[in-house]
């Protein structure tokens, strides 16, 4: 894993063509997300759900990961 990456959540699955992730940390819309190797997965398109435990819909590039990270 690249040193500059910080884990922000886990991927739960795919819905309507977007990756759905449960977030552990708050991130702004359009934030780029990466896999553990530092490869870009996509951008946060929407945040929804409870404020204390939000979810994110991510516009993906076809690659998937179990955990997602930001720089």
PDB file of N, CA and C in Angstrom:
ATOM      1  N   UNK A   1       0.840  -1.183   0.000  1.00  0.00           N
ATOM      2  CA  UNK A   1       0.000   0.000   0.000  1.00  0.00           C
ATOM      3  C   UNK A   1       0.883   1.243   0.000  1.00  0.00           C
ATOM      4  N   UNK A   2       0.510   2.207  -0.805  1.00  0.00           N
ATOM      5  CA  UNK A   2       1.276   3.449  -0.875  1.00  0.00           C
ATOM      6  C   UNK A   2       1.181   4.204   0.449  1.00  0.00           C
ATOM      7  N   UNK A   3       2.269   4.816   0.867  1.00  0.00           N
ATOM      8  CA  UNK A   3       2.334   5.501   2.156  1.00  0.00           C
ATOM      9  C   UNK A   3       1.344   6.653   2.287  1.00  0.00           C
ATOM     10  N   UNK A   4       1.060   7.363   1.201  1.00  0.00           N
ATOM     11  CA  UNK A   4       0.239   8.562   1.296  1.00  0.00           C
ATOM     12  C   UNK A   4      -1.260   8.283   1.277  1.00  0.00           C
ATOM     13  N   UNK A   5      -1.671   7.030   1.188  1.00  0.00           N
ATOM     14  CA  UNK A   5      -3.091   6.697   1.117  1.00  0.00           C
ATOM     15  C   UNK A   5      -3.691   6.524   2.502  1.00  0.00           C
ATOM     16  N   UNK A   6      -4.962   6.994   2.656  1.00  0.00           N
ATOM     17  CA  UNK A   6      -5.683   6.847   3.918  1.00  0.00           C
ATOM     18  C   UNK A   6      -6.999   6.138   3.642  1.00  0.00           C
ATOM     19  N   UNK A   7      -7.255   5.084   4.373  1.00  0.00           N
ATOM     20  CA  UNK A   7      -8.483   4.308   4.177  1.00  0.00           C
ATOM     21  C   UNK A   7      -9.692   5.137   4.591  1.00  0.00           C
ATOM     22  N   UNK A   8     -10.716   5.154   3.712  1.00  0.00           N
ATOM     23  CA  UNK A   8     -11.936   5.893   4.038  1.00  0.00           C
ATOM     24  C   UNK A   8     -13.177   5.022   4.060  1.00  0.00           C
ATOM     25  N   UNK A   9     -13.075   3.767   3.613  1.00  0.00           N
ATOM     26  CA  UNK A   9     -14.258   2.932   3.642  1.00  0.00           C
ATOM     27  C   UNK A   9     -14.079   1.611   2.934  1.00  0.00           C
ATOM     28  N   UNK A  10     -15.223   0.894   2.816  1.00  0.00           N
ATOM     29  CA  UNK A  10     -15.231  -0.402   2.148  1.00  0.00           C
ATOM     30  C   UNK A  10     -16.344  -0.441   1.107  1.00  0.00           C
ATOM     31  N   UNK A  11     -16.099  -1.164   0.036  1.00  0.00           N
ATOM     32  CA  UNK A  11     -17.088  -1.331  -1.022  1.00  0.00           C
ATOM     33  C   UNK A  11     -18.076  -2.423  -0.602  1.00  0.00           C
ATOM     34  N   UNK A  12     -19.364  -2.108  -0.717  1.00  0.00           N
ATOM     35  CA  UNK A  12     -20.406  -3.070  -0.385  1.00  0.00           C
ATOM     36  C   UNK A  12     -20.944  -3.786  -1.615  1.00  0.00           C
ATOM     37  N   UNK A  13     -20.905  -3.095  -2.768  1.00  0.00           N
ATOM     38  CA  UNK A  13     -21.425  -3.698  -3.988  1.00  0.00           C
ATOM     39  C   UNK A  13     -21.631  -2.658  -5.073  1.00  0.00           C
ATOM     40  N   UNK A  14     -22.418  -3.048  -6.082  1.00  0.00           N
ATOM     41  CA  UNK A  14     -22.691  -2.169  -7.222  1.00  0.00           C
ATOM     42  C   UNK A  14     -24.200  -1.987  -7.341  1.00  0.00           C
ATOM     43  N   UNK A  15     -24.620  -0.758  -7.587  1.00  0.00           N
ATOM     44  CA  UNK A  15     -26.043  -0.458  -7.788  1.00  0.00           C
ATOM     45  C   UNK A  15     -26.148   0.623  -8.844  1.00  0.00           C
ATOM     46  N   UNK A  16     -26.980   0.368  -9.835  1.00  0.00           N
ATOM     47  CA  UNK A  16     -27.212   1.328 -10.923  1.00  0.00           C
ATOM     48  C   UNK A  16     -25.905   1.818 -11.542  1.00  0.00           C
ATOM     49  N   UNK A  17     -24.941   0.918 -11.697  1.00  0.00           N
ATOM     50  CA  UNK A  17     -23.683   1.237 -12.345  1.00  0.00           C
ATOM     51  C   UNK A  17     -22.674   1.982 -11.496  1.00  0.00           C
ATOM     52  N   UNK A  18     -22.969   2.169 -10.216  1.00  0.00           N
ATOM     53  CA  UNK A  18     -22.040   2.864  -9.324  1.00  0.00           C
ATOM     54  C   UNK A  18     -21.605   1.923  -8.201  1.00  0.00           C
ATOM     55  N   UNK A  19     -20.354   2.075  -7.768  1.00  0.00           N
ATOM     56  CA  UNK A  19     -19.874   1.337  -6.606  1.00  0.00           C
ATOM     57  C   UNK A  19     -20.471   1.981  -5.363  1.00  0.00           C
ATOM     58  N   UNK A  20     -20.960   1.181  -4.433  1.00  0.00           N
ATOM     59  CA  UNK A  20     -21.529   1.695  -3.190  1.00  0.00           C
ATOM     60  C   UNK A  20     -20.561   1.359  -2.065  1.00  0.00           C
ATOM     61  N   UNK A  21     -20.185   2.384  -1.311  1.00  0.00           N
ATOM     62  CA  UNK A  21     -19.216   2.202  -0.230  1.00  0.00           C
ATOM     63  C   UNK A  21     -19.772   2.733   1.081  1.00  0.00           C
ATOM     64  N   UNK A  22     -19.442   2.041   2.163  1.00  0.00           N
ATOM     65  CA  UNK A  22     -19.730   2.535   3.500  1.00  0.00           C
ATOM     66  C   UNK A  22     -18.504   3.313   3.945  1.00  0.00           C
ATOM     67  N   UNK A  23     -18.697   4.596   4.254  1.00  0.00           N
ATOM     68  CA  UNK A  23     -17.567   5.465   4.588  1.00  0.00           C
ATOM     69  C   UNK A  23     -17.242   5.422   6.072  1.00  0.00           C
ATOM     70  N   UNK A  24     -15.961   5.512   6.374  1.00  0.00           N
ATOM     71  CA  UNK A  24     -15.475   5.607   7.751  1.00  0.00           C
ATOM     72  C   UNK A  24     -15.053   7.037   8.062  1.00  0.00           C
ATOM     73  N   UNK A  25     -14.826   7.806   7.015  1.00  0.00           N
ATOM     74  CA  UNK A  25     -14.420   9.205   7.156  1.00  0.00           C
ATOM     75  C   UNK A  25     -15.198  10.044   6.158  1.00  0.00           C
ATOM     76  N   UNK A  26     -15.470  11.274   6.527  1.00  0.00           N
ATOM     77  CA  UNK A  26     -16.194  12.191   5.650  1.00  0.00           C
ATOM     78  C   UNK A  26     -15.286  12.653   4.514  1.00  0.00           C
ATOM     79  N   UNK A  27     -15.833  12.669   3.301  1.00  0.00           N
ATOM     80  CA  UNK A  27     -15.099  13.161   2.134  1.00  0.00           C
ATOM     81  C   UNK A  27     -16.018  14.028   1.294  1.00  0.00           C
ATOM     82  N   UNK A  28     -15.496  15.043   0.623  1.00  0.00           N
ATOM     83  CA  UNK A  28     -16.325  15.881  -0.242  1.00  0.00           C
ATOM     84  C   UNK A  28     -16.676  15.187  -1.557  1.00  0.00           C
ATOM     85  N   UNK A  29     -17.711  15.677  -2.200  1.00  0.00           N
ATOM     86  CA  UNK A  29     -18.081  15.188  -3.526  1.00  0.00           C
ATOM     87  C   UNK A  29     -16.909  15.394  -4.484  1.00  0.00           C
ATOM     88  N   UNK A  30     -16.828  14.566  -5.494  1.00  0.00           N
ATOM     89  CA  UNK A  30     -15.794  14.600  -6.536  1.00  0.00           C
ATOM     90  C   UNK A  30     -14.404  14.199  -6.043  1.00  0.00           C
ATOM     91  N   UNK A  31     -14.304  13.693  -4.819  1.00  0.00           N
ATOM     92  CA  UNK A  31     -13.025  13.214  -4.316  1.00  0.00           C
ATOM     93  C   UNK A  31     -12.628  11.955  -5.068  1.00  0.00           C
ATOM     94  N   UNK A  32     -11.385  11.894  -5.545  1.00  0.00           N
ATOM     95  CA  UNK A  32     -10.890  10.686  -6.201  1.00  0.00           C
ATOM     96  C   UNK A  32     -10.632   9.624  -5.143  1.00  0.00           C
ATOM     97  N   UNK A  33     -11.014   8.379  -5.467  1.00  0.00           N
ATOM     98  CA  UNK A  33     -10.749   7.268  -4.561  1.00  0.00           C
ATOM     99  C   UNK A  33      -9.860   6.245  -5.264  1.00  0.00           C
ATOM    100  N   UNK A  34      -9.072   5.537  -4.457  1.00  0.00           N
ATOM    101  CA  UNK A  34      -8.045   4.626  -4.967  1.00  0.00           C
ATOM    102  C   UNK A  34      -8.157   3.267  -4.300  1.00  0.00           C
ATOM    103  N   UNK A  35      -7.576   2.249  -4.948  1.00  0.00           N
ATOM    104  CA  UNK A  35      -7.458   0.954  -4.297  1.00  0.00           C
ATOM    105  C   UNK A  35      -6.196   0.964  -3.443  1.00  0.00           C
ATOM    106  N   UNK A  36      -5.903  -0.150  -2.775  1.00  0.00           N
ATOM    107  CA  UNK A  36      -4.752  -0.170  -1.863  1.00  0.00           C
ATOM    108  C   UNK A  36      -3.408  -0.022  -2.565  1.00  0.00           C
ATOM    109  N   UNK A  37      -3.383  -0.261  -3.891  1.00  0.00           N
ATOM    110  CA  UNK A  37      -2.157  -0.106  -4.661  1.00  0.00           C
ATOM    111  C   UNK A  37      -1.978   1.302  -5.225  1.00  0.00           C
ATOM    112  N   UNK A  38      -2.937   2.183  -4.960  1.00  0.00           N
ATOM    113  CA  UNK A  38      -2.844   3.551  -5.442  1.00  0.00           C
ATOM    114  C   UNK A  38      -3.440   3.773  -6.819  1.00  0.00           C
ATOM    115  N   UNK A  39      -4.106   2.768  -7.389  1.00  0.00           N
ATOM    116  CA  UNK A  39      -4.745   2.907  -8.700  1.00  0.00           C
ATOM    117  C   UNK A  39      -6.117   3.562  -8.531  1.00  0.00           C
ATOM    118  N   UNK A  40      -6.412   4.535  -9.369  1.00  0.00           N
ATOM    119  CA  UNK A  40      -7.680   5.256  -9.286  1.00  0.00           C
ATOM    120  C   UNK A  40      -8.845   4.323  -9.574  1.00  0.00           C
ATOM    121  N   UNK A  41      -9.838   4.353  -8.693  1.00  0.00           N
ATOM    122  CA  UNK A  41     -11.060   3.571  -8.876  1.00  0.00           C
ATOM    123  C   UNK A  41     -12.154   4.445  -9.479  1.00  0.00           C
ATOM    124  N   UNK A  42     -12.238   5.701  -9.032  1.00  0.00           N
ATOM    125  CA  UNK A  42     -13.270   6.612  -9.518  1.00  0.00           C
ATOM    126  C   UNK A  42     -13.375   7.843  -8.634  1.00  0.00           C
ATOM    127  N   UNK A  43     -14.543   8.513  -8.710  1.00  0.00           N
ATOM    128  CA  UNK A  43     -14.799   9.721  -7.919  1.00  0.00           C
ATOM    129  C   UNK A  43     -16.108   9.580  -7.160  1.00  0.00           C
ATOM    130  N   UNK A  44     -16.177  10.215  -5.999  1.00  0.00           N
ATOM    131  CA  UNK A  44     -17.405  10.212  -5.202  1.00  0.00           C
ATOM    132  C   UNK A  44     -18.448  11.055  -5.932  1.00  0.00           C
ATOM    133  N   UNK A  45     -19.561  10.417  -6.299  1.00  0.00           N
ATOM    134  CA  UNK A  45     -20.618  11.093  -7.050  1.00  0.00           C
ATOM    135  C   UNK A  45     -21.755  11.556  -6.142  1.00  0.00           C
ATOM    136  N   UNK A  46     -21.979  10.808  -5.041  1.00  0.00           N
ATOM    137  CA  UNK A  46     -23.090  11.134  -4.168  1.00  0.00           C
ATOM    138  C   UNK A  46     -22.814  10.575  -2.784  1.00  0.00           C
ATOM    139  N   UNK A  47     -23.263  11.292  -1.764  1.00  0.00           N
ATOM    140  CA  UNK A  47     -23.161  10.829  -0.384  1.00  0.00           C
ATOM    141  C   UNK A  47     -24.582  10.766   0.164  1.00  0.00           C
ATOM    142  N   UNK A  48     -24.913   9.671   0.840  1.00  0.00           N
ATOM    143  CA  UNK A  48     -26.278   9.502   1.334  1.00  0.00           C
ATOM    144  C   UNK A  48     -26.280   8.663   2.604  1.00  0.00           C
ATOM    145  N   UNK A  49     -27.442   8.590   3.242  1.00  0.00           N
ATOM    146  CA  UNK A  49     -27.589   7.801   4.456  1.00  0.00           C
ATOM    147  C   UNK A  49     -27.405   8.638   5.699  1.00  0.00           C
ATOM    148  N   UNK A  50     -27.268   7.977   6.851  1.00  0.00           N
ATOM    149  CA  UNK A  50     -27.133   8.700   8.115  1.00  0.00           C
ATOM    150  C   UNK A  50     -25.840   9.511   8.180  1.00  0.00           C
ATOM    151  N   UNK A  51     -25.910  10.643   8.832  1.00  0.00           N
ATOM    152  CA  UNK A  51     -24.759  11.544   8.925  1.00  0.00           C
ATOM    153  C   UNK A  51     -23.583  10.878   9.637  1.00  0.00           C
ATOM    154  N   UNK A  52     -23.841  10.108  10.669  1.00  0.00           N
ATOM    155  CA  UNK A  52     -22.750   9.486  11.432  1.00  0.00           C
ATOM    156  C   UNK A  52     -22.153   8.270  10.737  1.00  0.00           C
ATOM    157  N   UNK A  53     -22.894   7.645   9.826  1.00  0.00           N
ATOM    158  CA  UNK A  53     -22.394   6.476   9.094  1.00  0.00           C
ATOM    159  C   UNK A  53     -22.814   6.574   7.636  1.00  0.00           C
ATOM    160  N   UNK A  54     -22.239   7.530   6.885  1.00  0.00           N
ATOM    161  CA  UNK A  54     -22.681   7.765   5.502  1.00  0.00           C
ATOM    162  C   UNK A  54     -22.202   6.696   4.524  1.00  0.00           C
ATOM    163  N   UNK A  55     -22.868   6.698   3.387  1.00  0.00           N
ATOM    164  CA  UNK A  55     -22.521   5.851   2.265  1.00  0.00           C
ATOM    165  C   UNK A  55     -22.161   6.756   1.093  1.00  0.00           C
ATOM    166  N   UNK A  56     -21.404   6.226   0.137  1.00  0.00           N
ATOM    167  CA  UNK A  56     -21.044   6.992  -1.051  1.00  0.00           C
ATOM    168  C   UNK A  56     -21.316   6.165  -2.289  1.00  0.00           C
ATOM    169  N   UNK A  57     -21.818   6.832  -3.328  1.00  0.00           N
ATOM    170  CA  UNK A  57     -21.926   6.234  -4.656  1.00  0.00           C
ATOM    171  C   UNK A  57     -20.726   6.745  -5.438  1.00  0.00           C
ATOM    172  N   UNK A  58     -19.965   5.837  -6.016  1.00  0.00           N
ATOM    173  CA  UNK A  58     -18.726   6.181  -6.697  1.00  0.00           C
ATOM    174  C   UNK A  58     -18.834   5.852  -8.171  1.00  0.00           C
ATOM    175  N   UNK A  59     -18.586   6.864  -9.011  1.00  0.00           N
ATOM    176  CA  UNK A  59     -18.504   6.624 -10.457  1.00  0.00           C
ATOM    177  C   UNK A  59     -17.199   5.887 -10.691  1.00  0.00           C
ATOM    178  N   UNK A  60     -17.289   4.609 -11.030  1.00  0.00           N
ATOM    179  CA  UNK A  60     -16.104   3.781 -11.165  1.00  0.00           C
ATOM    180  C   UNK A  60     -15.594   3.704 -12.585  1.00  0.00           C
ATOM    181  N   UNK A  61     -14.364   3.216 -12.696  1.00  0.00           N
ATOM    182  CA  UNK A  61     -13.727   3.045 -14.001  1.00  0.00           C
ATOM    183  C   UNK A  61     -13.633   1.561 -14.357  1.00  0.00           C
ATOM    184  N   UNK A  62     -14.521   0.749 -13.800  1.00  0.00           N
ATOM    185  CA  UNK A  62     -14.515  -0.661 -14.121  1.00  0.00           C
ATOM    186  C   UNK A  62     -13.698  -1.499 -13.168  1.00  0.00           C
ATOM    187  N   UNK A  63     -12.777  -0.864 -12.422  1.00  0.00           N
ATOM    188  CA  UNK A  63     -11.989  -1.597 -11.438  1.00  0.00           C
ATOM    189  C   UNK A  63     -12.718  -1.581 -10.110  1.00  0.00           C
ATOM    190  N   UNK A  64     -12.568  -2.631  -9.369  1.00  0.00           N
ATOM    191  CA  UNK A  64     -13.215  -2.712  -8.072  1.00  0.00           C
ATOM    192  C   UNK A  64     -12.166  -2.978  -7.003  1.00  0.00           C
ATOM    193  N   UNK A  65     -12.548  -2.801  -5.763  1.00  0.00           N
ATOM    194  CA  UNK A  65     -11.669  -3.046  -4.635  1.00  0.00           C
ATOM    195  C   UNK A  65     -12.546  -3.324  -3.432  1.00  0.00           C
ATOM    196  N   UNK A  66     -11.990  -3.931  -2.433  1.00  0.00           N
ATOM    197  CA  UNK A  66     -12.732  -4.161  -1.198  1.00  0.00           C
ATOM    198  C   UNK A  66     -12.649  -2.927  -0.301  1.00  0.00           C
ATOM    199  N   UNK A  67     -11.505  -2.288  -0.274  1.00  0.00           N
ATOM    200  CA  UNK A  67     -11.294  -1.102   0.554  1.00  0.00           C
ATOM    201  C   UNK A  67     -10.977   0.072  -0.358  1.00  0.00           C
ATOM    202  N   UNK A  68     -11.406   1.270   0.065  1.00  0.00           N
ATOM    203  CA  UNK A  68     -11.115   2.461  -0.736  1.00  0.00           C
ATOM    204  C   UNK A  68     -10.302   3.453   0.086  1.00  0.00           C
ATOM    205  N   UNK A  69      -9.495   4.210  -0.639  1.00  0.00           N
ATOM    206  CA  UNK A  69      -8.541   5.126  -0.013  1.00  0.00           C
ATOM    207  C   UNK A  69      -8.560   6.485  -0.716  1.00  0.00           C
ATOM    208  N   UNK A  70      -8.068   7.514  -0.002  1.00  0.00           N
ATOM    209  CA  UNK A  70      -7.855   8.840  -0.591  1.00  0.00           C
ATOM    210  C   UNK A  70      -6.407   9.232  -0.351  1.00  0.00           C
ATOM    211  N   UNK A  71      -5.969  10.242  -1.085  1.00  0.00           N
ATOM    212  CA  UNK A  71      -4.603  10.769  -0.882  1.00  0.00           C
ATOM    213  C   UNK A  71      -4.665  12.024  -0.069  1.00  0.00           C
TER     214      UNK A  71
END
